[in-house]
ModelCIF file with pLDDT and N, C-alpha, C, O atoms, coordinates in Angstrom:
data_MODEL
#
_entry.id   MODEL 
#
_entity.id                         1 
_entity.type                       polymer 
_entity.pdbx_number_of_molecules   1 
#
_entity_poly.entity_id                      1 
_entity_poly.type                           'polypeptide(L)' 
_entity_poly.nstd_linkage                   no 
_entity_poly.nstd_monomer                   no 
_entity_poly.pdbx_seq_one_letter_code       
;(UNK)(UNK)(UNK)(UNK)(UNK)(UNK)(UNK)(UNK)(UNK)(UNK)(UNK)(UNK)(UNK)(UNK)(UNK)(UNK)
(UNK)(UNK)(UNK)(UNK)(UNK)(UNK)(UNK)(UNK)(UNK)(UNK)(UNK)(UNK)(UNK)(UNK)(UNK)(UNK)
(UNK)(UNK)(UNK)(UNK)(UNK)(UNK)
;
_entity_poly.pdbx_seq_one_letter_code_can   XXXXXXXXXXXXXXXXXXXXXXXXXXXXXXXXXXXXXX 
_entity_poly.pdbx_strand_id                 A 
#
loop_
_entity_poly_seq.entity_id 
_entity_poly_seq.num 
_entity_poly_seq.mon_id 
_entity_poly_seq.hetero 
1 1  UNK n 
1 2  UNK n 
1 3  UNK n 
1 4  UNK n 
1 5  UNK n 
1 6  UNK n 
1 7  UNK n 
1 8  UNK n 
1 9  UNK n 
1 10 UNK n 
1 11 UNK n 
1 12 UNK n 
1 13 UNK n 
1 14 UNK n 
1 15 UNK n 
1 16 UNK n 
1 17 UNK n 
1 18 UNK n 
1 19 UNK n 
1 20 UNK n 
1 21 UNK n 
1 22 UNK n 
1 23 UNK n 
1 24 UNK n 
1 25 UNK n 
1 26 UNK n 
1 27 UNK n 
1 28 UNK n 
1 29 UNK n 
1 30 UNK n 
1 31 UNK n 
1 32 UNK n 
1 33 UNK n 
1 34 UNK n 
1 35 UNK n 
1 36 UNK n 
1 37 UNK n 
1 38 UNK n 
#
_struct_asym.id          A 
_struct_asym.entity_id   1 
#
loop_
_ma_qa_metric.id 
_ma_qa_metric.mode 
_ma_qa_metric.name 
_ma_qa_metric.software_group_id 
_ma_qa_metric.type 
1 global pLDDT . pLDDT 
2 local  pLDDT . pLDDT 
#
_ma_qa_metric_global.metric_id      1 
_ma_qa_metric_global.metric_value   97.18 
_ma_qa_metric_global.model_id       1 
_ma_qa_metric_global.ordinal_id     1 
#
loop_
_ma_qa_metric_local.label_asym_id 
_ma_qa_metric_local.label_comp_id 
_ma_qa_metric_local.label_seq_id 
_ma_qa_metric_local.metric_id 
_ma_qa_metric_local.metric_value 
_ma_qa_metric_local.model_id 
_ma_qa_metric_local.ordinal_id 
A UNK 1  2 96.00 1 1  
A UNK 2  2 95.00 1 2  
A UNK 3  2 98.00 1 3  
A UNK 4  2 98.00 1 4  
A UNK 5  2 98.00 1 5  
A UNK 6  2 98.00 1 6  
A UNK 7  2 98.00 1 7  
A UNK 8  2 98.00 1 8  
A UNK 9  2 98.00 1 9  
A UNK 10 2 97.00 1 10 
A UNK 11 2 97.00 1 11 
A UNK 12 2 94.00 1 12 
A UNK 13 2 95.00 1 13 
A UNK 14 2 95.00 1 14 
A UNK 15 2 93.00 1 15 
A UNK 16 2 98.00 1 16 
A UNK 17 2 97.00 1 17 
A UNK 18 2 97.00 1 18 
A UNK 19 2 97.00 1 19 
A UNK 20 2 97.00 1 20 
A UNK 21 2 98.00 1 21 
A UNK 22 2 98.00 1 22 
A UNK 23 2 98.00 1 23 
A UNK 24 2 98.00 1 24 
A UNK 25 2 98.00 1 25 
A UNK 26 2 98.00 1 26 
A UNK 27 2 98.00 1 27 
A UNK 28 2 98.00 1 28 
A UNK 29 2 98.00 1 29 
A UNK 30 2 98.00 1 30 
A UNK 31 2 98.00 1 31 
A UNK 32 2 98.00 1 32 
A UNK 33 2 98.00 1 33 
A UNK 34 2 98.00 1 34 
A UNK 35 2 98.00 1 35 
A UNK 36 2 96.00 1 36 
A UNK 37 2 96.00 1 37 
A UNK 38 2 97.00 1 38 
#
loop_
_atom_site.group_PDB 
_atom_site.id 
_atom_site.type_symbol 
_atom_site.label_atom_id 
_atom_site.label_alt_id 
_atom_site.label_comp_id 
_atom_site.label_asym_id 
_atom_site.label_entity_id 
_atom_site.label_seq_id 
_atom_site.pdbx_PDB_ins_code 
_atom_site.Cartn_x 
_atom_site.Cartn_y 
_atom_site.Cartn_z 
_atom_site.occupancy 
_atom_site.B_iso_or_equiv 
_atom_site.pdbx_formal_charge 
_atom_site.auth_seq_id 
_atom_site.auth_comp_id 
_atom_site.auth_asym_id 
_atom_site.auth_atom_id 
_atom_site.pdbx_PDB_model_num 
ATOM 1   N N  . UNK A 1 1  ? 62.869 -51.731 18.405 1.00 96.00 ? 1  UNK A N  1 
ATOM 2   C CA . UNK A 1 1  ? 62.814 -50.401 19.325 1.00 96.00 ? 1  UNK A CA 1 
ATOM 3   C C  . UNK A 1 1  ? 63.239 -50.899 20.710 1.00 96.00 ? 1  UNK A C  1 
ATOM 4   O O  . UNK A 1 1  ? 63.448 -52.070 21.028 1.00 96.00 ? 1  UNK A O  1 
ATOM 5   N N  . UNK A 1 2  ? 63.325 -49.863 21.438 1.00 95.00 ? 2  UNK A N  1 
ATOM 6   C CA . UNK A 1 2  ? 63.986 -49.991 22.866 1.00 95.00 ? 2  UNK A CA 1 
ATOM 7   C C  . UNK A 1 2  ? 62.851 -50.213 23.626 1.00 95.00 ? 2  UNK A C  1 
ATOM 8   O O  . UNK A 1 2  ? 62.415 -49.316 24.347 1.00 95.00 ? 2  UNK A O  1 
ATOM 9   N N  . UNK A 1 3  ? 62.179 -51.579 23.537 1.00 98.00 ? 3  UNK A N  1 
ATOM 10  C CA . UNK A 1 3  ? 61.049 -51.827 24.427 1.00 98.00 ? 3  UNK A CA 1 
ATOM 11  C C  . UNK A 1 3  ? 61.638 -52.643 25.649 1.00 98.00 ? 3  UNK A C  1 
ATOM 12  O O  . UNK A 1 3  ? 62.745 -53.148 25.838 1.00 98.00 ? 3  UNK A O  1 
ATOM 13  N N  . UNK A 1 4  ? 60.370 -52.579 26.484 1.00 98.00 ? 4  UNK A N  1 
ATOM 14  C CA . UNK A 1 4  ? 60.823 -53.386 27.895 1.00 98.00 ? 4  UNK A CA 1 
ATOM 15  C C  . UNK A 1 4  ? 61.018 -54.812 27.241 1.00 98.00 ? 4  UNK A C  1 
ATOM 16  O O  . UNK A 1 4  ? 62.117 -55.273 27.551 1.00 98.00 ? 4  UNK A O  1 
ATOM 17  N N  . UNK A 1 5  ? 60.398 -55.509 26.560 1.00 98.00 ? 5  UNK A N  1 
ATOM 18  C CA . UNK A 1 5  ? 60.273 -56.900 26.039 1.00 98.00 ? 5  UNK A CA 1 
ATOM 19  C C  . UNK A 1 5  ? 59.799 -56.763 24.747 1.00 98.00 ? 5  UNK A C  1 
ATOM 20  O O  . UNK A 1 5  ? 58.924 -55.966 24.409 1.00 98.00 ? 5  UNK A O  1 
ATOM 21  N N  . UNK A 1 6  ? 60.570 -57.797 23.784 1.00 98.00 ? 6  UNK A N  1 
ATOM 22  C CA . UNK A 1 6  ? 60.082 -58.244 22.539 1.00 98.00 ? 6  UNK A CA 1 
ATOM 23  C C  . UNK A 1 6  ? 59.870 -59.504 22.475 1.00 98.00 ? 6  UNK A C  1 
ATOM 24  O O  . UNK A 1 6  ? 60.821 -60.285 22.450 1.00 98.00 ? 6  UNK A O  1 
ATOM 25  N N  . UNK A 1 7  ? 58.332 -60.015 22.431 1.00 98.00 ? 7  UNK A N  1 
ATOM 26  C CA . UNK A 1 7  ? 58.181 -61.379 22.194 1.00 98.00 ? 7  UNK A CA 1 
ATOM 27  C C  . UNK A 1 7  ? 57.652 -61.582 20.531 1.00 98.00 ? 7  UNK A C  1 
ATOM 28  O O  . UNK A 1 7  ? 56.634 -61.141 19.997 1.00 98.00 ? 7  UNK A O  1 
ATOM 29  N N  . UNK A 1 8  ? 58.770 -62.428 19.950 1.00 98.00 ? 8  UNK A N  1 
ATOM 30  C CA . UNK A 1 8  ? 58.644 -62.670 18.493 1.00 98.00 ? 8  UNK A CA 1 
ATOM 31  C C  . UNK A 1 8  ? 59.160 -63.965 18.162 1.00 98.00 ? 8  UNK A C  1 
ATOM 32  O O  . UNK A 1 8  ? 60.159 -64.443 18.698 1.00 98.00 ? 8  UNK A O  1 
ATOM 33  N N  . UNK A 1 9  ? 58.487 -64.523 17.292 1.00 98.00 ? 9  UNK A N  1 
ATOM 34  C CA . UNK A 1 9  ? 58.951 -65.868 17.105 1.00 98.00 ? 9  UNK A CA 1 
ATOM 35  C C  . UNK A 1 9  ? 60.508 -65.961 16.028 1.00 98.00 ? 9  UNK A C  1 
ATOM 36  O O  . UNK A 1 9  ? 61.150 -66.987 15.803 1.00 98.00 ? 9  UNK A O  1 
ATOM 37  N N  . UNK A 1 10 ? 60.793 -64.616 15.528 1.00 97.00 ? 10 UNK A N  1 
ATOM 38  C CA . UNK A 1 10 ? 61.910 -64.739 14.373 1.00 97.00 ? 10 UNK A CA 1 
ATOM 39  C C  . UNK A 1 10 ? 62.933 -64.170 15.272 1.00 97.00 ? 10 UNK A C  1 
ATOM 40  O O  . UNK A 1 10 ? 64.048 -64.017 14.775 1.00 97.00 ? 10 UNK A O  1 
ATOM 41  N N  . UNK A 1 11 ? 62.752 -63.811 16.564 1.00 97.00 ? 11 UNK A N  1 
ATOM 42  C CA . UNK A 1 11 ? 63.851 -62.803 17.129 1.00 97.00 ? 11 UNK A CA 1 
ATOM 43  C C  . UNK A 1 11 ? 65.178 -63.569 17.138 1.00 97.00 ? 11 UNK A C  1 
ATOM 44  O O  . UNK A 1 11 ? 65.183 -64.611 17.793 1.00 97.00 ? 11 UNK A O  1 
ATOM 45  N N  . UNK A 1 12 ? 66.063 -63.285 16.643 1.00 94.00 ? 12 UNK A N  1 
ATOM 46  C CA . UNK A 1 12 ? 67.372 -63.854 16.764 1.00 94.00 ? 12 UNK A CA 1 
ATOM 47  C C  . UNK A 1 12 ? 67.993 -64.206 18.324 1.00 94.00 ? 12 UNK A C  1 
ATOM 48  O O  . UNK A 1 12 ? 68.967 -64.929 18.530 1.00 94.00 ? 12 UNK A O  1 
ATOM 49  N N  . UNK A 1 13 ? 67.302 -63.613 19.207 1.00 95.00 ? 13 UNK A N  1 
ATOM 50  C CA . UNK A 1 13 ? 67.847 -63.793 20.635 1.00 95.00 ? 13 UNK A CA 1 
ATOM 51  C C  . UNK A 1 13 ? 67.268 -64.989 21.483 1.00 95.00 ? 13 UNK A C  1 
ATOM 52  O O  . UNK A 1 13 ? 67.263 -65.136 22.706 1.00 95.00 ? 13 UNK A O  1 
ATOM 53  N N  . UNK A 1 14 ? 66.738 -65.874 20.395 1.00 95.00 ? 14 UNK A N  1 
ATOM 54  C CA . UNK A 1 14 ? 66.273 -67.089 20.947 1.00 95.00 ? 14 UNK A CA 1 
ATOM 55  C C  . UNK A 1 14 ? 65.723 -68.077 19.768 1.00 95.00 ? 14 UNK A C  1 
ATOM 56  O O  . UNK A 1 14 ? 65.011 -67.569 18.902 1.00 95.00 ? 14 UNK A O  1 
ATOM 57  N N  . UNK A 1 15 ? 65.945 -69.099 19.722 1.00 93.00 ? 15 UNK A N  1 
ATOM 58  C CA . UNK A 1 15 ? 65.781 -69.930 18.638 1.00 93.00 ? 15 UNK A CA 1 
ATOM 59  C C  . UNK A 1 15 ? 64.547 -70.710 18.775 1.00 93.00 ? 15 UNK A C  1 
ATOM 60  O O  . UNK A 1 15 ? 64.598 -71.924 18.970 1.00 93.00 ? 15 UNK A O  1 
ATOM 61  N N  . UNK A 1 16 ? 63.355 -70.020 18.676 1.00 98.00 ? 16 UNK A N  1 
ATOM 62  C CA . UNK A 1 16 ? 62.179 -70.629 18.746 1.00 98.00 ? 16 UNK A CA 1 
ATOM 63  C C  . UNK A 1 16 ? 61.724 -71.809 17.557 1.00 98.00 ? 16 UNK A C  1 
ATOM 64  O O  . UNK A 1 16 ? 61.716 -71.330 16.423 1.00 98.00 ? 16 UNK A O  1 
ATOM 65  N N  . UNK A 1 17 ? 61.471 -72.785 17.609 1.00 97.00 ? 17 UNK A N  1 
ATOM 66  C CA . UNK A 1 17 ? 61.324 -73.816 16.728 1.00 97.00 ? 17 UNK A CA 1 
ATOM 67  C C  . UNK A 1 17 ? 60.432 -73.626 15.792 1.00 97.00 ? 17 UNK A C  1 
ATOM 68  O O  . UNK A 1 17 ? 60.640 -74.390 14.850 1.00 97.00 ? 17 UNK A O  1 
ATOM 69  N N  . UNK A 1 18 ? 59.124 -72.637 15.566 1.00 97.00 ? 18 UNK A N  1 
ATOM 70  C CA . UNK A 1 18 ? 58.356 -72.594 14.754 1.00 97.00 ? 18 UNK A CA 1 
ATOM 71  C C  . UNK A 1 18 ? 58.340 -70.897 14.502 1.00 97.00 ? 18 UNK A C  1 
ATOM 72  O O  . UNK A 1 18 ? 58.022 -70.089 15.375 1.00 97.00 ? 18 UNK A O  1 
ATOM 73  N N  . UNK A 1 19 ? 58.704 -70.589 13.279 1.00 97.00 ? 19 UNK A N  1 
ATOM 74  C CA . UNK A 1 19 ? 59.069 -69.090 13.089 1.00 97.00 ? 19 UNK A CA 1 
ATOM 75  C C  . UNK A 1 19 ? 57.476 -68.314 12.331 1.00 97.00 ? 19 UNK A C  1 
ATOM 76  O O  . UNK A 1 19 ? 57.382 -67.100 12.146 1.00 97.00 ? 19 UNK A O  1 
ATOM 77  N N  . UNK A 1 20 ? 56.540 -69.152 12.043 1.00 97.00 ? 20 UNK A N  1 
ATOM 78  C CA . UNK A 1 20 ? 55.355 -68.664 11.337 1.00 97.00 ? 20 UNK A CA 1 
ATOM 79  C C  . UNK A 1 20 ? 53.989 -68.331 12.139 1.00 97.00 ? 20 UNK A C  1 
ATOM 80  O O  . UNK A 1 20 ? 52.899 -68.342 11.569 1.00 97.00 ? 20 UNK A O  1 
ATOM 81  N N  . UNK A 1 21 ? 54.119 -68.085 13.282 1.00 98.00 ? 21 UNK A N  1 
ATOM 82  C CA . UNK A 1 21 ? 52.966 -67.804 14.237 1.00 98.00 ? 21 UNK A CA 1 
ATOM 83  C C  . UNK A 1 21 ? 52.156 -66.411 13.622 1.00 98.00 ? 21 UNK A C  1 
ATOM 84  O O  . UNK A 1 21 ? 52.802 -65.526 13.060 1.00 98.00 ? 21 UNK A O  1 
ATOM 85  N N  . UNK A 1 22 ? 51.001 -66.346 13.756 1.00 98.00 ? 22 UNK A N  1 
ATOM 86  C CA . UNK A 1 22 ? 50.243 -64.936 13.481 1.00 98.00 ? 22 UNK A CA 1 
ATOM 87  C C  . UNK A 1 22 ? 50.437 -64.273 14.827 1.00 98.00 ? 22 UNK A C  1 
ATOM 88  O O  . UNK A 1 22 ? 50.894 -64.808 15.837 1.00 98.00 ? 22 UNK A O  1 
ATOM 89  N N  . UNK A 1 23 ? 50.086 -63.228 14.710 1.00 98.00 ? 23 UNK A N  1 
ATOM 90  C CA . UNK A 1 23 ? 50.056 -62.339 15.829 1.00 98.00 ? 23 UNK A CA 1 
ATOM 91  C C  . UNK A 1 23 ? 49.195 -62.657 16.725 1.00 98.00 ? 23 UNK A C  1 
ATOM 92  O O  . UNK A 1 23 ? 49.385 -62.274 17.879 1.00 98.00 ? 23 UNK A O  1 
ATOM 93  N N  . UNK A 1 24 ? 48.045 -63.435 16.390 1.00 98.00 ? 24 UNK A N  1 
ATOM 94  C CA . UNK A 1 24 ? 47.241 -63.983 17.581 1.00 98.00 ? 24 UNK A CA 1 
ATOM 95  C C  . UNK A 1 24 ? 47.777 -65.415 18.118 1.00 98.00 ? 24 UNK A C  1 
ATOM 96  O O  . UNK A 1 24 ? 47.315 -65.873 19.163 1.00 98.00 ? 24 UNK A O  1 
ATOM 97  N N  . UNK A 1 25 ? 48.678 -66.050 17.440 1.00 98.00 ? 25 UNK A N  1 
ATOM 98  C CA . UNK A 1 25 ? 49.360 -67.200 17.820 1.00 98.00 ? 25 UNK A CA 1 
ATOM 99  C C  . UNK A 1 25 ? 50.225 -66.594 18.979 1.00 98.00 ? 25 UNK A C  1 
ATOM 100 O O  . UNK A 1 25 ? 50.091 -67.063 20.108 1.00 98.00 ? 25 UNK A O  1 
ATOM 101 N N  . UNK A 1 26 ? 51.062 -65.623 18.759 1.00 98.00 ? 26 UNK A N  1 
ATOM 102 C CA . UNK A 1 26 ? 52.016 -65.143 19.671 1.00 98.00 ? 26 UNK A CA 1 
ATOM 103 C C  . UNK A 1 26 ? 51.243 -64.631 21.114 1.00 98.00 ? 26 UNK A C  1 
ATOM 104 O O  . UNK A 1 26 ? 51.636 -64.865 22.256 1.00 98.00 ? 26 UNK A O  1 
ATOM 105 N N  . UNK A 1 27 ? 50.033 -63.865 20.714 1.00 98.00 ? 27 UNK A N  1 
ATOM 106 C CA . UNK A 1 27 ? 49.324 -63.483 21.758 1.00 98.00 ? 27 UNK A CA 1 
ATOM 107 C C  . UNK A 1 27 ? 48.834 -64.824 22.673 1.00 98.00 ? 27 UNK A C  1 
ATOM 108 O O  . UNK A 1 27 ? 48.848 -64.748 23.901 1.00 98.00 ? 27 UNK A O  1 
ATOM 109 N N  . UNK A 1 28 ? 48.530 -65.685 22.187 1.00 98.00 ? 28 UNK A N  1 
ATOM 110 C CA . UNK A 1 28 ? 47.996 -66.908 22.528 1.00 98.00 ? 28 UNK A CA 1 
ATOM 111 C C  . UNK A 1 28 ? 49.303 -67.571 23.511 1.00 98.00 ? 28 UNK A C  1 
ATOM 112 O O  . UNK A 1 28 ? 49.108 -68.085 24.612 1.00 98.00 ? 28 UNK A O  1 
ATOM 113 N N  . UNK A 1 29 ? 50.288 -67.473 23.031 1.00 98.00 ? 29 UNK A N  1 
ATOM 114 C CA . UNK A 1 29 ? 51.432 -67.901 23.833 1.00 98.00 ? 29 UNK A CA 1 
ATOM 115 C C  . UNK A 1 29 ? 51.691 -67.152 24.869 1.00 98.00 ? 29 UNK A C  1 
ATOM 116 O O  . UNK A 1 29 ? 52.018 -67.669 25.938 1.00 98.00 ? 29 UNK A O  1 
ATOM 117 N N  . UNK A 1 30 ? 51.582 -65.776 24.708 1.00 98.00 ? 30 UNK A N  1 
ATOM 118 C CA . UNK A 1 30 ? 51.444 -65.025 25.948 1.00 98.00 ? 30 UNK A CA 1 
ATOM 119 C C  . UNK A 1 30 ? 50.604 -65.197 27.065 1.00 98.00 ? 30 UNK A C  1 
ATOM 120 O O  . UNK A 1 30 ? 50.960 -65.049 28.234 1.00 98.00 ? 30 UNK A O  1 
ATOM 121 N N  . UNK A 1 31 ? 49.202 -65.592 26.579 1.00 98.00 ? 31 UNK A N  1 
ATOM 122 C CA . UNK A 1 31 ? 48.052 -65.841 27.355 1.00 98.00 ? 31 UNK A CA 1 
ATOM 123 C C  . UNK A 1 31 ? 48.404 -67.337 28.003 1.00 98.00 ? 31 UNK A C  1 
ATOM 124 O O  . UNK A 1 31 ? 48.027 -67.528 29.159 1.00 98.00 ? 31 UNK A O  1 
ATOM 125 N N  . UNK A 1 32 ? 49.010 -68.254 27.406 1.00 98.00 ? 32 UNK A N  1 
ATOM 126 C CA . UNK A 1 32 ? 49.610 -69.681 27.867 1.00 98.00 ? 32 UNK A CA 1 
ATOM 127 C C  . UNK A 1 32 ? 50.193 -69.363 29.135 1.00 98.00 ? 32 UNK A C  1 
ATOM 128 O O  . UNK A 1 32 ? 49.667 -69.679 30.202 1.00 98.00 ? 32 UNK A O  1 
ATOM 129 N N  . UNK A 1 33 ? 51.374 -68.684 29.022 1.00 98.00 ? 33 UNK A N  1 
ATOM 130 C CA . UNK A 1 33 ? 52.504 -68.348 29.797 1.00 98.00 ? 33 UNK A CA 1 
ATOM 131 C C  . UNK A 1 33 ? 51.746 -67.769 30.969 1.00 98.00 ? 33 UNK A C  1 
ATOM 132 O O  . UNK A 1 33 ? 51.887 -68.316 32.063 1.00 98.00 ? 33 UNK A O  1 
ATOM 133 N N  . UNK A 1 34 ? 51.031 -66.814 30.861 1.00 98.00 ? 34 UNK A N  1 
ATOM 134 C CA . UNK A 1 34 ? 50.583 -66.044 32.026 1.00 98.00 ? 34 UNK A CA 1 
ATOM 135 C C  . UNK A 1 34 ? 49.546 -67.005 32.862 1.00 98.00 ? 34 UNK A C  1 
ATOM 136 O O  . UNK A 1 34 ? 49.416 -66.826 34.072 1.00 98.00 ? 34 UNK A O  1 
ATOM 137 N N  . UNK A 1 35 ? 48.916 -67.888 32.270 1.00 98.00 ? 35 UNK A N  1 
ATOM 138 C CA . UNK A 1 35 ? 48.043 -68.687 33.199 1.00 98.00 ? 35 UNK A CA 1 
ATOM 139 C C  . UNK A 1 35 ? 48.406 -69.868 33.085 1.00 98.00 ? 35 UNK A C  1 
ATOM 140 O O  . UNK A 1 35 ? 47.594 -70.787 33.196 1.00 98.00 ? 35 UNK A O  1 
ATOM 141 N N  . UNK A 1 36 ? 49.496 -70.039 32.879 1.00 96.00 ? 36 UNK A N  1 
ATOM 142 C CA . UNK A 1 36 ? 50.276 -71.522 33.084 1.00 96.00 ? 36 UNK A CA 1 
ATOM 143 C C  . UNK A 1 36 ? 49.825 -72.774 32.441 1.00 96.00 ? 36 UNK A C  1 
ATOM 144 O O  . UNK A 1 36 ? 50.253 -73.826 32.918 1.00 96.00 ? 36 UNK A O  1 
ATOM 145 N N  . UNK A 1 37 ? 48.953 -72.821 31.342 1.00 96.00 ? 37 UNK A N  1 
ATOM 146 C CA . UNK A 1 37 ? 48.347 -73.777 30.895 1.00 96.00 ? 37 UNK A CA 1 
ATOM 147 C C  . UNK A 1 37 ? 47.720 -73.271 29.383 1.00 96.00 ? 37 UNK A C  1 
ATOM 148 O O  . UNK A 1 37 ? 47.546 -72.083 29.115 1.00 96.00 ? 37 UNK A O  1 
ATOM 149 N N  . UNK A 1 38 ? 47.436 -74.313 28.516 1.00 97.00 ? 38 UNK A N  1 
ATOM 150 C CA . UNK A 1 38 ? 47.185 -73.943 27.164 1.00 97.00 ? 38 UNK A CA 1 
ATOM 151 C C  . UNK A 1 38 ? 45.643 -73.755 27.353 1.00 97.00 ? 38 UNK A C  1 
ATOM 152 O O  . UNK A 1 38 ? 44.940 -73.415 26.401 1.00 97.00 ? 38 UNK A O  1 
#
């Protein structure tokens, strides 16, 4: 889709080291980035 941003562990535009996150894992990564800590 022509979204503003696509955050996905398998996206070919970035070589993320771990491809098997669940949706909540991706959401957690977004939360970590937003709040600047785990």
